[in-house]
Amino acid sequence: MHTEYVYILLVIIILGYSCHHSAEEVVVYVTVDQAYAEPVLRDFEKRTGIKVKAVFDTEETKSTGILNRLIAEKNNPKCDVFWSGDPMRTEVLRSRNILSVYHPQNASDIPETFKDKDGYWVGFSVRSRVLIYNTELMTSTTAPQSIFDLTRPEYKGKVAMANPLFGTTTFHIAALFELIGEERAAAFLDSLKNNGLVLLSSNGDVKKKVSQGIVACGLTDTDDVFAAVREGNPVDMIFLDQQGIGSLIIPNTVSLIAGSPHPENGKKLIEYLLEKDTESKLAYSCAQIPLRSGVDVPVHVPRIEDIRAMQINYHAAAQKLEAIQPFLKQWIENW
C-alpha cells in the first residue's frame, strides 16, 4: 500500500513538472528572414528563460507557407505568436478569425496608423517602397521623383517592377488602387506597360538588374537597396512622391493567435518585440526603420519622421488586394 502511494505521488510530481516545463515555452511563426529574426528571439530566451520554438517560411514557401499552416491549424492551434513581415497576411488571418485581441502596453507610443484599431495586430520596424536607380545611369535629379513619372517618355524602357501578383509589389499596387481609385490606378498600370516596363519575377531580381545596369531604375523595398549598397553596387534610392501621395510604408506586424497553447508567454514575447531595443536591433541587422523616435539606428537608416508616408488604411488596402486579383491576372496574361 505504501509503495503504491509513493508511485502515485511520483507520477503526480512528474506530470506537474511536465506541465510546468511545457508552460515555459512559446511558439512563434515568422515570415521575416530567419537570419534577422532568430537573433532577436534568442535574446528573448536569454532574458526570460522561456524557450522559443520558431517556425520560419522558406524561400520556396515565402508568402504562403506559414499563412496556410496557420489556416490549417485554426481548430487546433499550435502557434502562440505570428510575426509577419507585412500586414497583408495578418489581415487574411484576421478575416478568418484566427487572431486574438491583445492591446500590448509597449504599443502605447506606436502611431495609431500602424495599429489595428480592434487590437488584432500591432506594427513595428518598417520597410518602405522606393525607387532604386543605378548611379552610373541616372542621378538623384534626373531619376523619377514620383511613381507617376515612370510613365513619362524619357523613362521608356528604363523602369523595372516585380510581378504585381506577388510580394510587396502586390501590396503596393493594392494601396494605389485604394488611394487613387480603381480607374486611375488601372490606367496607370496600362501606361506603365505601354512605356516599356520591364517586368521581373521578384524585388530581388529588380535589385540585381538595376545593380548590373541592365535596367536604369525600378521599384523595390528599402532593405533590398541597403543590401545592394552593402554589396558595393552603384545604386541609390529615392523615396517617391515626397511632394505628393507619399511612399508606401510596410510595417512588421505581431499578433496573438486565438486559442494558442501558451497565451501568457505569447503576450510576453509580443511585449518584447515591441520594445525600442528590438527596433534598434532590426535597424542594425537589416536596415529596418523604427516607428518611434529616440531609437538608436545606424547613420544610413532614415528616420520615419523624415519620410512622407502614403496615408492608407491597411485593413482596406488588404481587402483591395484580394478584390483586384482578377484584374492583375488579366493584366499579366495580356502582356
C-alpha atoms as a PDB file:
ATOM      1  CA  MET A   1       0.000   0.000   0.000  1.00  0.00           C
ATOM      2  CA  HIS A   2       2.795   2.337   0.954  1.00  0.00           C
ATOM      3  CA  THR A   3       4.628   1.507  -2.336  1.00  0.00           C
ATOM      4  CA  GLU A   4       1.504   2.288  -4.376  1.00  0.00           C
ATOM      5  CA  TYR A   5       1.160   5.622  -2.608  1.00  0.00           C
ATOM      6  CA  VAL A   6       4.769   6.549  -3.393  1.00  0.00           C
ATOM      7  CA  TYR A   7       4.283   5.536  -7.049  1.00  0.00           C
ATOM      8  CA  ILE A   8       1.175   7.700  -7.437  1.00  0.00           C
ATOM      9  CA  LEU A   9       2.973  10.617  -5.789  1.00  0.00           C
ATOM     10  CA  LEU A  10       5.885  10.281  -8.216  1.00  0.00           C
ATOM     11  CA  VAL A  11       3.503  10.258 -11.199  1.00  0.00           C
ATOM     12  CA  ILE A  12       1.839  13.433  -9.928  1.00  0.00           C
ATOM     13  CA  ILE A  13       5.228  15.117  -9.461  1.00  0.00           C
ATOM     14  CA  ILE A  14       6.386  14.108 -12.955  1.00  0.00           C
ATOM     15  CA  LEU A  15       3.135  15.279 -14.558  1.00  0.00           C
ATOM     16  CA  GLY A  16       3.316  18.502 -12.629  1.00  0.00           C
ATOM     17  CA  TYR A  17       6.882  19.107 -13.756  1.00  0.00           C
ATOM     18  CA  SER A  18       5.951  18.336 -17.360  1.00  0.00           C
ATOM     19  CA  CYS A  19       3.081  20.801 -17.303  1.00  0.00           C
ATOM     20  CA  HIS A  20       5.281  23.471 -15.753  1.00  0.00           C
ATOM     21  CA  HIS A  21       8.066  22.770 -18.249  1.00  0.00           C
ATOM     22  CA  SER A  22       5.626  22.984 -21.184  1.00  0.00           C
ATOM     23  CA  ALA A  23       4.372  26.341 -19.906  1.00  0.00           C
ATOM     24  CA  GLU A  24       7.892  27.793 -20.128  1.00  0.00           C
ATOM     25  CA  GLU A  25       7.917  27.898 -23.901  1.00  0.00           C
ATOM     26  CA  VAL A  26       6.372  29.936 -26.661  1.00  0.00           C
ATOM     27  CA  VAL A  27       5.740  29.032 -30.290  1.00  0.00           C
ATOM     28  CA  VAL A  28       6.151  31.754 -32.924  1.00  0.00           C
ATOM     29  CA  TYR A  29       5.610  31.551 -36.666  1.00  0.00           C
ATOM     30  CA  VAL A  30       7.749  34.057 -38.570  1.00  0.00           C
ATOM     31  CA  THR A  31       7.722  35.315 -42.172  1.00  0.00           C
ATOM     32  CA  VAL A  32      10.698  37.664 -41.658  1.00  0.00           C
ATOM     33  CA  ASP A  33      14.062  36.335 -42.877  1.00  0.00           C
ATOM     34  CA  GLN A  34      15.423  33.851 -40.346  1.00  0.00           C
ATOM     35  CA  ALA A  35      18.875  35.470 -40.340  1.00  0.00           C
ATOM     36  CA  TYR A  36      17.380  38.669 -38.906  1.00  0.00           C
ATOM     37  CA  ALA A  37      14.597  37.299 -36.700  1.00  0.00           C
ATOM     38  CA  GLU A  38      16.466  34.479 -34.973  1.00  0.00           C
ATOM     39  CA  PRO A  39      18.979  36.634 -33.013  1.00  0.00           C
ATOM     40  CA  VAL A  40      16.077  38.710 -31.677  1.00  0.00           C
ATOM     41  CA  LEU A  41      14.256  35.592 -30.486  1.00  0.00           C
ATOM     42  CA  ARG A  42      17.411  34.140 -28.923  1.00  0.00           C
ATOM     43  CA  ASP A  43      17.837  37.353 -26.902  1.00  0.00           C
ATOM     44  CA  PHE A  44      14.277  36.920 -25.607  1.00  0.00           C
ATOM     45  CA  GLU A  45      15.194  33.405 -24.461  1.00  0.00           C
ATOM     46  CA  LYS A  46      18.269  34.663 -22.621  1.00  0.00           C
ATOM     47  CA  ARG A  47      16.337  37.388 -20.841  1.00  0.00           C
ATOM     48  CA  THR A  48      13.260  35.397 -19.811  1.00  0.00           C
ATOM     49  CA  GLY A  49      14.322  31.746 -19.773  1.00  0.00           C
ATOM     50  CA  ILE A  50      11.269  30.990 -21.926  1.00  0.00           C
ATOM     51  CA  LYS A  51      12.146  28.556 -24.703  1.00  0.00           C
ATOM     52  CA  VAL A  52      11.240  29.913 -28.146  1.00  0.00           C
ATOM     53  CA  LYS A  53      10.128  27.422 -30.766  1.00  0.00           C
ATOM     54  CA  ALA A  54      10.240  29.300 -34.055  1.00  0.00           C
ATOM     55  CA  VAL A  55       8.917  28.209 -37.449  1.00  0.00           C
ATOM     56  CA  PHE A  56      10.134  30.187 -40.458  1.00  0.00           C
ATOM     57  CA  ASP A  57       8.948  30.476 -44.040  1.00  0.00           C
ATOM     58  CA  THR A  58      11.451  29.118 -46.536  1.00  0.00           C
ATOM     59  CA  GLU A  59      12.326  30.906 -49.772  1.00  0.00           C
ATOM     60  CA  GLU A  60      10.231  28.326 -51.622  1.00  0.00           C
ATOM     61  CA  THR A  61       7.129  28.839 -49.489  1.00  0.00           C
ATOM     62  CA  LYS A  62       7.561  32.552 -48.841  1.00  0.00           C
ATOM     63  CA  SER A  63       4.294  34.478 -48.525  1.00  0.00           C
ATOM     64  CA  THR A  64       2.207  31.298 -48.356  1.00  0.00           C
ATOM     65  CA  GLY A  65       3.764  28.535 -46.218  1.00  0.00           C
ATOM     66  CA  ILE A  66       3.227  29.968 -42.739  1.00  0.00           C
ATOM     67  CA  LEU A  67      -0.091  31.512 -43.737  1.00  0.00           C
ATOM     68  CA  ASN A  68      -1.506  28.211 -44.988  1.00  0.00           C
ATOM     69  CA  ARG A  69      -0.190  26.389 -41.920  1.00  0.00           C
ATOM     70  CA  LEU A  70      -1.966  28.790 -39.568  1.00  0.00           C
ATOM     71  CA  ILE A  71      -5.184  28.442 -41.548  1.00  0.00           C
ATOM     72  CA  ALA A  72      -4.917  24.644 -41.471  1.00  0.00           C
ATOM     73  CA  GLU A  73      -4.337  24.689 -37.683  1.00  0.00           C
ATOM     74  CA  LYS A  74      -7.262  27.016 -36.948  1.00  0.00           C
ATOM     75  CA  ASN A  75      -9.236  24.416 -34.971  1.00  0.00           C
ATOM     76  CA  ASN A  76      -6.153  23.054 -33.207  1.00  0.00           C
ATOM     77  CA  PRO A  77      -3.725  25.963 -32.799  1.00  0.00           C
ATOM     78  CA  LYS A  78      -0.088  25.085 -32.170  1.00  0.00           C
ATOM     79  CA  CYS A  79       1.265  28.619 -32.523  1.00  0.00           C
ATOM     80  CA  ASP A  80       1.145  31.439 -29.962  1.00  0.00           C
ATOM     81  CA  VAL A  81       2.502  34.434 -31.868  1.00  0.00           C
ATOM     82  CA  PHE A  82       2.531  35.388 -35.553  1.00  0.00           C
ATOM     83  CA  TRP A  83       5.362  37.728 -36.597  1.00  0.00           C
ATOM     84  CA  SER A  84       4.712  38.900 -40.145  1.00  0.00           C
ATOM     85  CA  GLY A  85       6.907  40.993 -42.408  1.00  0.00           C
ATOM     86  CA  ASP A  86       3.835  42.866 -43.653  1.00  0.00           C
ATOM     87  CA  PRO A  87       0.173  43.483 -42.718  1.00  0.00           C
ATOM     88  CA  MET A  88      -1.289  41.604 -45.716  1.00  0.00           C
ATOM     89  CA  ARG A  89      -1.084  38.073 -44.354  1.00  0.00           C
ATOM     90  CA  THR A  90      -2.066  39.301 -40.906  1.00  0.00           C
ATOM     91  CA  GLU A  91      -5.276  40.753 -42.318  1.00  0.00           C
ATOM     92  CA  VAL A  92      -6.044  37.461 -44.087  1.00  0.00           C
ATOM     93  CA  LEU A  93      -5.765  35.652 -40.724  1.00  0.00           C
ATOM     94  CA  ARG A  94      -7.914  38.267 -39.034  1.00  0.00           C
ATOM     95  CA  SER A  95     -10.645  37.796 -41.654  1.00  0.00           C
ATOM     96  CA  ARG A  96     -10.650  34.062 -40.852  1.00  0.00           C
ATOM     97  CA  ASN A  97     -10.946  34.603 -37.062  1.00  0.00           C
ATOM     98  CA  ILE A  98      -7.513  33.108 -36.371  1.00  0.00           C
ATOM     99  CA  LEU A  99      -6.189  36.070 -34.351  1.00  0.00           C
ATOM    100  CA  SER A 100      -6.942  37.088 -30.774  1.00  0.00           C
ATOM    101  CA  VAL A 101      -7.378  40.610 -29.436  1.00  0.00           C
ATOM    102  CA  TYR A 102      -4.473  41.898 -27.341  1.00  0.00           C
ATOM    103  CA  HIS A 103      -3.518  45.509 -26.536  1.00  0.00           C
ATOM    104  CA  PRO A 104       0.211  45.482 -25.607  1.00  0.00           C
ATOM    105  CA  GLN A 105       1.495  48.040 -23.126  1.00  0.00           C
ATOM    106  CA  ASN A 106       4.586  48.614 -25.253  1.00  0.00           C
ATOM    107  CA  ALA A 107       2.420  49.709 -28.182  1.00  0.00           C
ATOM    108  CA  SER A 108       1.258  52.868 -26.416  1.00  0.00           C
ATOM    109  CA  ASP A 109       3.681  55.152 -28.303  1.00  0.00           C
ATOM    110  CA  ILE A 110       3.300  53.483 -31.700  1.00  0.00           C
ATOM    111  CA  PRO A 111       1.308  55.714 -34.098  1.00  0.00           C
ATOM    112  CA  GLU A 112      -2.332  54.713 -34.467  1.00  0.00           C
ATOM    113  CA  THR A 113      -1.912  54.317 -38.253  1.00  0.00           C
ATOM    114  CA  PHE A 114       0.267  51.281 -37.600  1.00  0.00           C
ATOM    115  CA  LYS A 115      -2.034  49.540 -35.105  1.00  0.00           C
ATOM    116  CA  ASP A 116      -5.241  47.659 -35.734  1.00  0.00           C
ATOM    117  CA  LYS A 117      -7.980  49.656 -34.015  1.00  0.00           C
ATOM    118  CA  ASP A 118      -9.590  46.473 -32.668  1.00  0.00           C
ATOM    119  CA  GLY A 119      -6.335  45.086 -31.221  1.00  0.00           C
ATOM    120  CA  TYR A 120      -5.677  42.198 -33.613  1.00  0.00           C
ATOM    121  CA  TRP A 121      -2.162  43.369 -34.580  1.00  0.00           C
ATOM    122  CA  VAL A 122       0.463  45.996 -33.868  1.00  0.00           C
ATOM    123  CA  GLY A 123       3.114  47.248 -36.290  1.00  0.00           C
ATOM    124  CA  PHE A 124       6.781  47.910 -35.595  1.00  0.00           C
ATOM    125  CA  SER A 125      10.034  48.300 -37.606  1.00  0.00           C
ATOM    126  CA  VAL A 126       9.177  49.145 -41.217  1.00  0.00           C
ATOM    127  CA  ARG A 127      10.379  48.933 -44.779  1.00  0.00           C
ATOM    128  CA  SER A 128       9.343  51.405 -47.448  1.00  0.00           C
ATOM    129  CA  ARG A 129       8.688  51.063 -51.152  1.00  0.00           C
ATOM    130  CA  VAL A 130      11.280  53.134 -53.016  1.00  0.00           C
ATOM    131  CA  LEU A 131      12.849  53.692 -56.407  1.00  0.00           C
ATOM    132  CA  ILE A 132      16.272  52.054 -56.757  1.00  0.00           C
ATOM    133  CA  TYR A 133      18.405  53.601 -59.505  1.00  0.00           C
ATOM    134  CA  ASN A 134      21.823  52.921 -60.988  1.00  0.00           C
ATOM    135  CA  THR A 135      24.072  55.916 -60.215  1.00  0.00           C
ATOM    136  CA  GLU A 136      26.073  55.354 -63.415  1.00  0.00           C
ATOM    137  CA  LEU A 137      22.911  55.797 -65.497  1.00  0.00           C
ATOM    138  CA  MET A 138      20.924  58.366 -63.511  1.00  0.00           C
ATOM    139  CA  THR A 139      21.411  61.000 -60.828  1.00  0.00           C
ATOM    140  CA  SER A 140      19.221  61.953 -57.924  1.00  0.00           C
ATOM    141  CA  THR A 141      17.849  64.827 -60.002  1.00  0.00           C
ATOM    142  CA  THR A 142      17.395  63.036 -63.354  1.00  0.00           C
ATOM    143  CA  ALA A 143      15.727  59.975 -61.774  1.00  0.00           C
ATOM    144  CA  PRO A 144      11.911  59.909 -61.412  1.00  0.00           C
ATOM    145  CA  GLN A 145      10.611  61.680 -58.304  1.00  0.00           C
ATOM    146  CA  SER A 146       7.027  60.391 -58.441  1.00  0.00           C
ATOM    147  CA  ILE A 147       5.626  56.975 -59.208  1.00  0.00           C
ATOM    148  CA  PHE A 148       3.574  58.696 -61.916  1.00  0.00           C
ATOM    149  CA  ASP A 149       6.802  59.941 -63.560  1.00  0.00           C
ATOM    150  CA  LEU A 150       7.538  56.326 -64.539  1.00  0.00           C
ATOM    151  CA  THR A 151       5.132  56.653 -67.472  1.00  0.00           C
ATOM    152  CA  ARG A 152       6.924  59.679 -68.950  1.00  0.00           C
ATOM    153  CA  PRO A 153       8.595  59.254 -72.388  1.00  0.00           C
ATOM    154  CA  GLU A 154      12.156  59.884 -71.101  1.00  0.00           C
ATOM    155  CA  TYR A 155      11.899  56.744 -68.935  1.00  0.00           C
ATOM    156  CA  LYS A 156      10.566  54.479 -71.698  1.00  0.00           C
ATOM    157  CA  GLY A 157      12.111  51.009 -71.337  1.00  0.00           C
ATOM    158  CA  LYS A 158      14.199  52.095 -68.316  1.00  0.00           C
ATOM    159  CA  VAL A 159      11.919  51.025 -65.449  1.00  0.00           C
ATOM    160  CA  ALA A 160      11.608  47.575 -63.831  1.00  0.00           C
ATOM    161  CA  MET A 161       8.987  46.187 -61.466  1.00  0.00           C
ATOM    162  CA  ALA A 162       8.341  42.759 -59.948  1.00  0.00           C
ATOM    163  CA  ASN A 163       5.259  40.751 -60.902  1.00  0.00           C
ATOM    164  CA  PRO A 164       2.360  42.526 -59.104  1.00  0.00           C
ATOM    165  CA  LEU A 165       0.705  39.214 -58.234  1.00  0.00           C
ATOM    166  CA  PHE A 166       3.313  38.568 -55.527  1.00  0.00           C
ATOM    167  CA  GLY A 167       5.122  40.023 -52.514  1.00  0.00           C
ATOM    168  CA  THR A 168       5.226  43.663 -51.514  1.00  0.00           C
ATOM    169  CA  THR A 169       4.635  44.732 -55.122  1.00  0.00           C
ATOM    170  CA  THR A 170       1.078  43.418 -54.980  1.00  0.00           C
ATOM    171  CA  PHE A 171       0.502  45.339 -51.737  1.00  0.00           C
ATOM    172  CA  HIS A 172       1.973  48.484 -53.324  1.00  0.00           C
ATOM    173  CA  ILE A 173      -0.423  48.225 -56.251  1.00  0.00           C
ATOM    174  CA  ALA A 174      -3.370  47.480 -53.953  1.00  0.00           C
ATOM    175  CA  ALA A 175      -2.517  50.572 -51.898  1.00  0.00           C
ATOM    176  CA  LEU A 176      -2.545  52.661 -55.092  1.00  0.00           C
ATOM    177  CA  PHE A 177      -5.940  51.276 -56.081  1.00  0.00           C
ATOM    178  CA  GLU A 178      -7.243  52.118 -52.607  1.00  0.00           C
ATOM    179  CA  LEU A 179      -5.749  55.615 -52.539  1.00  0.00           C
ATOM    180  CA  ILE A 180      -6.325  56.999 -56.036  1.00  0.00           C
ATOM    181  CA  GLY A 181      -9.249  54.872 -57.183  1.00  0.00           C
ATOM    182  CA  GLU A 182      -9.558  51.845 -59.430  1.00  0.00           C
ATOM    183  CA  GLU A 183      -9.989  53.680 -62.742  1.00  0.00           C
ATOM    184  CA  ARG A 184      -6.921  55.893 -62.315  1.00  0.00           C
ATOM    185  CA  ALA A 185      -4.768  53.061 -60.910  1.00  0.00           C
ATOM    186  CA  ALA A 186      -5.684  50.702 -63.774  1.00  0.00           C
ATOM    187  CA  ALA A 187      -4.886  53.422 -66.310  1.00  0.00           C
ATOM    188  CA  PHE A 188      -1.520  53.978 -64.597  1.00  0.00           C
ATOM    189  CA  LEU A 189      -0.619  50.278 -64.886  1.00  0.00           C
ATOM    190  CA  ASP A 190      -1.591  50.244 -68.562  1.00  0.00           C
ATOM    191  CA  SER A 191       0.558  53.336 -69.148  1.00  0.00           C
ATOM    192  CA  LEU A 192       3.497  51.633 -67.427  1.00  0.00           C
ATOM    193  CA  LYS A 193       3.124  48.642 -69.731  1.00  0.00           C
ATOM    194  CA  ASN A 194       2.884  50.877 -72.818  1.00  0.00           C
ATOM    195  CA  ASN A 195       6.027  52.723 -71.686  1.00  0.00           C
ATOM    196  CA  GLY A 196       8.142  49.551 -71.917  1.00  0.00           C
ATOM    197  CA  LEU A 197       8.008  48.417 -68.292  1.00  0.00           C
ATOM    198  CA  VAL A 198      10.493  45.584 -67.632  1.00  0.00           C
ATOM    199  CA  LEU A 199       8.507  43.012 -65.650  1.00  0.00           C
ATOM    200  CA  LEU A 200      10.657  40.764 -63.431  1.00  0.00           C
ATOM    201  CA  SER A 201       9.984  37.855 -61.091  1.00  0.00           C
ATOM    202  CA  SER A 202      10.850  39.474 -57.744  1.00  0.00           C
ATOM    203  CA  ASN A 203      12.143  42.554 -55.928  1.00  0.00           C
ATOM    204  CA  GLY A 204      15.474  40.761 -55.648  1.00  0.00           C
ATOM    205  CA  ASP A 205      15.586  40.497 -59.431  1.00  0.00           C
ATOM    206  CA  VAL A 206      14.827  44.223 -59.724  1.00  0.00           C
ATOM    207  CA  LYS A 207      17.745  44.947 -57.383  1.00  0.00           C
ATOM    208  CA  LYS A 208      20.025  42.683 -59.408  1.00  0.00           C
ATOM    209  CA  LYS A 209      19.139  44.077 -62.849  1.00  0.00           C
ATOM    210  CA  VAL A 210      19.446  47.700 -61.691  1.00  0.00           C
ATOM    211  CA  SER A 211      22.722  46.967 -59.902  1.00  0.00           C
ATOM    212  CA  GLN A 212      24.102  45.465 -63.118  1.00  0.00           C
ATOM    213  CA  GLY A 213      22.918  48.439 -65.177  1.00  0.00           C
ATOM    214  CA  ILE A 214      20.664  46.246 -67.321  1.00  0.00           C
ATOM    215  CA  VAL A 215      17.761  48.471 -66.248  1.00  0.00           C
ATOM    216  CA  ALA A 216      18.242  52.071 -65.102  1.00  0.00           C
ATOM    217  CA  CYS A 217      15.761  52.052 -62.208  1.00  0.00           C
ATOM    218  CA  GLY A 218      12.957  50.083 -60.591  1.00  0.00           C
ATOM    219  CA  LEU A 219      10.519  49.741 -57.725  1.00  0.00           C
ATOM    220  CA  THR A 220      11.600  47.708 -54.727  1.00  0.00           C
ATOM    221  CA  ASP A 221      11.902  47.825 -50.901  1.00  0.00           C
ATOM    222  CA  THR A 222      14.397  49.749 -48.779  1.00  0.00           C
ATOM    223  CA  ASP A 223      16.055  46.603 -47.408  1.00  0.00           C
ATOM    224  CA  ASP A 224      16.871  45.478 -50.975  1.00  0.00           C
ATOM    225  CA  VAL A 225      18.574  48.797 -51.685  1.00  0.00           C
ATOM    226  CA  PHE A 226      20.588  48.708 -48.451  1.00  0.00           C
ATOM    227  CA  ALA A 227      21.697  45.171 -49.325  1.00  0.00           C
ATOM    228  CA  ALA A 228      22.767  46.281 -52.814  1.00  0.00           C
ATOM    229  CA  VAL A 229      24.784  49.167 -51.360  1.00  0.00           C
ATOM    230  CA  ARG A 230      26.473  46.815 -48.857  1.00  0.00           C
ATOM    231  CA  GLU A 231      27.439  44.584 -51.782  1.00  0.00           C
ATOM    232  CA  GLY A 232      29.231  47.549 -53.366  1.00  0.00           C
ATOM    233  CA  ASN A 233      26.831  48.130 -56.255  1.00  0.00           C
ATOM    234  CA  PRO A 234      26.472  51.619 -57.840  1.00  0.00           C
ATOM    235  CA  VAL A 235      22.919  52.241 -56.663  1.00  0.00           C
ATOM    236  CA  ASP A 236      20.984  54.721 -54.572  1.00  0.00           C
ATOM    237  CA  MET A 237      17.314  55.215 -53.763  1.00  0.00           C
ATOM    238  CA  ILE A 238      14.583  57.811 -53.837  1.00  0.00           C
ATOM    239  CA  PHE A 239      11.523  57.987 -51.627  1.00  0.00           C
ATOM    240  CA  LEU A 240       8.943  58.745 -54.289  1.00  0.00           C
ATOM    241  CA  ASP A 241       6.145  61.310 -54.111  1.00  0.00           C
ATOM    242  CA  GLN A 242       7.540  63.257 -51.184  1.00  0.00           C
ATOM    243  CA  GLN A 243       5.624  66.279 -52.508  1.00  0.00           C
ATOM    244  CA  GLY A 244       2.518  64.213 -53.279  1.00  0.00           C
ATOM    245  CA  ILE A 245       0.890  60.989 -52.134  1.00  0.00           C
ATOM    246  CA  GLY A 246       3.975  59.776 -50.227  1.00  0.00           C
ATOM    247  CA  SER A 247       5.807  56.442 -50.099  1.00  0.00           C
ATOM    248  CA  LEU A 248       4.168  53.207 -49.039  1.00  0.00           C
ATOM    249  CA  ILE A 249       5.341  52.148 -45.569  1.00  0.00           C
ATOM    250  CA  ILE A 250       5.271  48.410 -44.811  1.00  0.00           C
ATOM    251  CA  PRO A 251       5.430  47.577 -41.093  1.00  0.00           C
ATOM    252  CA  ASN A 252       6.215  44.252 -39.459  1.00  0.00           C
ATOM    253  CA  THR A 253       3.178  43.116 -37.507  1.00  0.00           C
ATOM    254  CA  VAL A 254       2.812  40.930 -34.443  1.00  0.00           C
ATOM    255  CA  SER A 255      -0.356  39.131 -33.313  1.00  0.00           C
ATOM    256  CA  LEU A 256      -1.575  36.683 -30.683  1.00  0.00           C
ATOM    257  CA  ILE A 257      -3.177  33.514 -32.069  1.00  0.00           C
ATOM    258  CA  ALA A 258      -6.701  32.685 -30.860  1.00  0.00           C
ATOM    259  CA  GLY A 259      -6.774  29.631 -28.580  1.00  0.00           C
ATOM    260  CA  SER A 260      -2.978  29.423 -28.508  1.00  0.00           C
ATOM    261  CA  PRO A 261      -1.331  26.899 -26.144  1.00  0.00           C
ATOM    262  CA  HIS A 262       0.817  29.433 -24.246  1.00  0.00           C
ATOM    263  CA  PRO A 263      -1.045  32.767 -24.374  1.00  0.00           C
ATOM    264  CA  GLU A 264       0.717  34.380 -21.392  1.00  0.00           C
ATOM    265  CA  ASN A 265       4.170  33.625 -22.773  1.00  0.00           C
ATOM    266  CA  GLY A 266       2.894  34.793 -26.156  1.00  0.00           C
ATOM    267  CA  LYS A 267       1.985  38.149 -24.639  1.00  0.00           C
ATOM    268  CA  LYS A 268       5.464  38.410 -23.081  1.00  0.00           C
ATOM    269  CA  LEU A 269       7.055  37.794 -26.482  1.00  0.00           C
ATOM    270  CA  ILE A 270       4.807  40.398 -28.108  1.00  0.00           C
ATOM    271  CA  GLU A 271       5.759  42.986 -25.464  1.00  0.00           C
ATOM    272  CA  TYR A 272       9.421  42.187 -26.086  1.00  0.00           C
ATOM    273  CA  LEU A 273       9.136  42.527 -29.881  1.00  0.00           C
ATOM    274  CA  LEU A 274       7.530  45.944 -29.425  1.00  0.00           C
ATOM    275  CA  GLU A 275      10.398  47.348 -27.353  1.00  0.00           C
ATOM    276  CA  LYS A 276      12.523  50.131 -28.820  1.00  0.00           C
ATOM    277  CA  ASP A 277      15.551  47.894 -28.354  1.00  0.00           C
ATOM    278  CA  THR A 278      14.097  45.357 -30.806  1.00  0.00           C
ATOM    279  CA  GLU A 279      13.587  48.107 -33.388  1.00  0.00           C
ATOM    280  CA  SER A 280      17.207  49.154 -32.881  1.00  0.00           C
ATOM    281  CA  LYS A 281      18.439  45.581 -33.411  1.00  0.00           C
ATOM    282  CA  LEU A 282      16.482  45.311 -36.680  1.00  0.00           C
ATOM    283  CA  ALA A 283      17.802  48.703 -37.813  1.00  0.00           C
ATOM    284  CA  TYR A 284      21.379  47.494 -37.371  1.00  0.00           C
ATOM    285  CA  SER A 285      20.853  43.982 -38.806  1.00  0.00           C
ATOM    286  CA  CYS A 286      18.659  44.697 -41.842  1.00  0.00           C
ATOM    287  CA  ALA A 287      18.214  48.495 -42.004  1.00  0.00           C
ATOM    288  CA  GLN A 288      14.584  48.430 -40.970  1.00  0.00           C
ATOM    289  CA  ILE A 289      13.249  51.828 -39.942  1.00  0.00           C
ATOM    290  CA  PRO A 290      11.939  52.246 -36.358  1.00  0.00           C
ATOM    291  CA  LEU A 291       8.403  53.554 -35.983  1.00  0.00           C
ATOM    292  CA  ARG A 292       9.322  55.647 -32.956  1.00  0.00           C
ATOM    293  CA  SER A 293      11.743  58.482 -32.354  1.00  0.00           C
ATOM    294  CA  GLY A 294      14.633  58.134 -29.950  1.00  0.00           C
ATOM    295  CA  VAL A 295      15.691  54.691 -31.184  1.00  0.00           C
ATOM    296  CA  ASP A 296      19.402  54.112 -31.777  1.00  0.00           C
ATOM    297  CA  VAL A 297      19.978  53.437 -35.513  1.00  0.00           C
ATOM    298  CA  PRO A 298      22.969  53.392 -37.902  1.00  0.00           C
ATOM    299  CA  VAL A 299      23.648  56.633 -39.775  1.00  0.00           C
ATOM    300  CA  HIS A 300      22.389  55.246 -43.098  1.00  0.00           C
ATOM    301  CA  VAL A 301      18.926  54.324 -41.751  1.00  0.00           C
ATOM    302  CA  PRO A 302      16.458  57.212 -42.215  1.00  0.00           C
ATOM    303  CA  ARG A 303      14.059  58.420 -39.543  1.00  0.00           C
ATOM    304  CA  ILE A 304      10.371  57.693 -40.049  1.00  0.00           C
ATOM    305  CA  GLU A 305       9.542  61.351 -39.343  1.00  0.00           C
ATOM    306  CA  ASP A 306      11.672  62.368 -42.363  1.00  0.00           C
ATOM    307  CA  ILE A 307       9.600  60.270 -44.793  1.00  0.00           C
ATOM    308  CA  ARG A 308       6.270  61.447 -46.210  1.00  0.00           C
ATOM    309  CA  ALA A 309       4.182  58.291 -45.836  1.00  0.00           C
ATOM    310  CA  MET A 310       1.288  57.245 -48.046  1.00  0.00           C
ATOM    311  CA  GLN A 311      -1.872  57.701 -45.973  1.00  0.00           C
ATOM    312  CA  ILE A 312      -3.717  54.413 -46.277  1.00  0.00           C
ATOM    313  CA  ASN A 313      -5.891  52.179 -44.160  1.00  0.00           C
ATOM    314  CA  TYR A 314      -4.012  48.861 -44.053  1.00  0.00           C
ATOM    315  CA  HIS A 315      -7.200  46.889 -43.472  1.00  0.00           C
ATOM    316  CA  ALA A 316      -8.869  48.470 -46.513  1.00  0.00           C
ATOM    317  CA  ALA A 317      -5.732  48.028 -48.659  1.00  0.00           C
ATOM    318  CA  ALA A 318      -5.567  44.323 -47.774  1.00  0.00           C
ATOM    319  CA  GLN A 319      -9.206  43.923 -48.789  1.00  0.00           C
ATOM    320  CA  LYS A 320      -8.496  45.775 -52.036  1.00  0.00           C
ATOM    321  CA  LEU A 321      -5.605  43.396 -52.679  1.00  0.00           C
ATOM    322  CA  GLU A 322      -7.987  40.456 -52.874  1.00  0.00           C
ATOM    323  CA  ALA A 323     -10.523  42.407 -54.933  1.00  0.00           C
ATOM    324  CA  ILE A 324      -8.055  43.361 -57.700  1.00  0.00           C
ATOM    325  CA  GLN A 325      -6.590  39.882 -58.227  1.00  0.00           C
ATOM    326  CA  PRO A 326      -8.747  39.172 -61.357  1.00  0.00           C
ATOM    327  CA  PHE A 327      -7.640  42.483 -62.905  1.00  0.00           C
ATOM    328  CA  LEU A 328      -3.965  41.841 -62.150  1.00  0.00           C
ATOM    329  CA  LYS A 329      -4.084  38.301 -63.568  1.00  0.00           C
ATOM    330  CA  GLN A 330      -5.648  39.601 -66.774  1.00  0.00           C
ATOM    331  CA  TRP A 331      -3.094  42.423 -66.916  1.00  0.00           C
ATOM    332  CA  ILE A 332      -0.281  39.862 -66.756  1.00  0.00           C
ATOM    333  CA  GLU A 333      -1.897  37.435 -69.214  1.00  0.00           C
ATOM    334  CA  ASN A 334      -2.306  40.194 -71.796  1.00  0.00           C
ATOM    335  CA  TRP A 335       1.337  41.235 -71.623  1.00  0.00           C
END
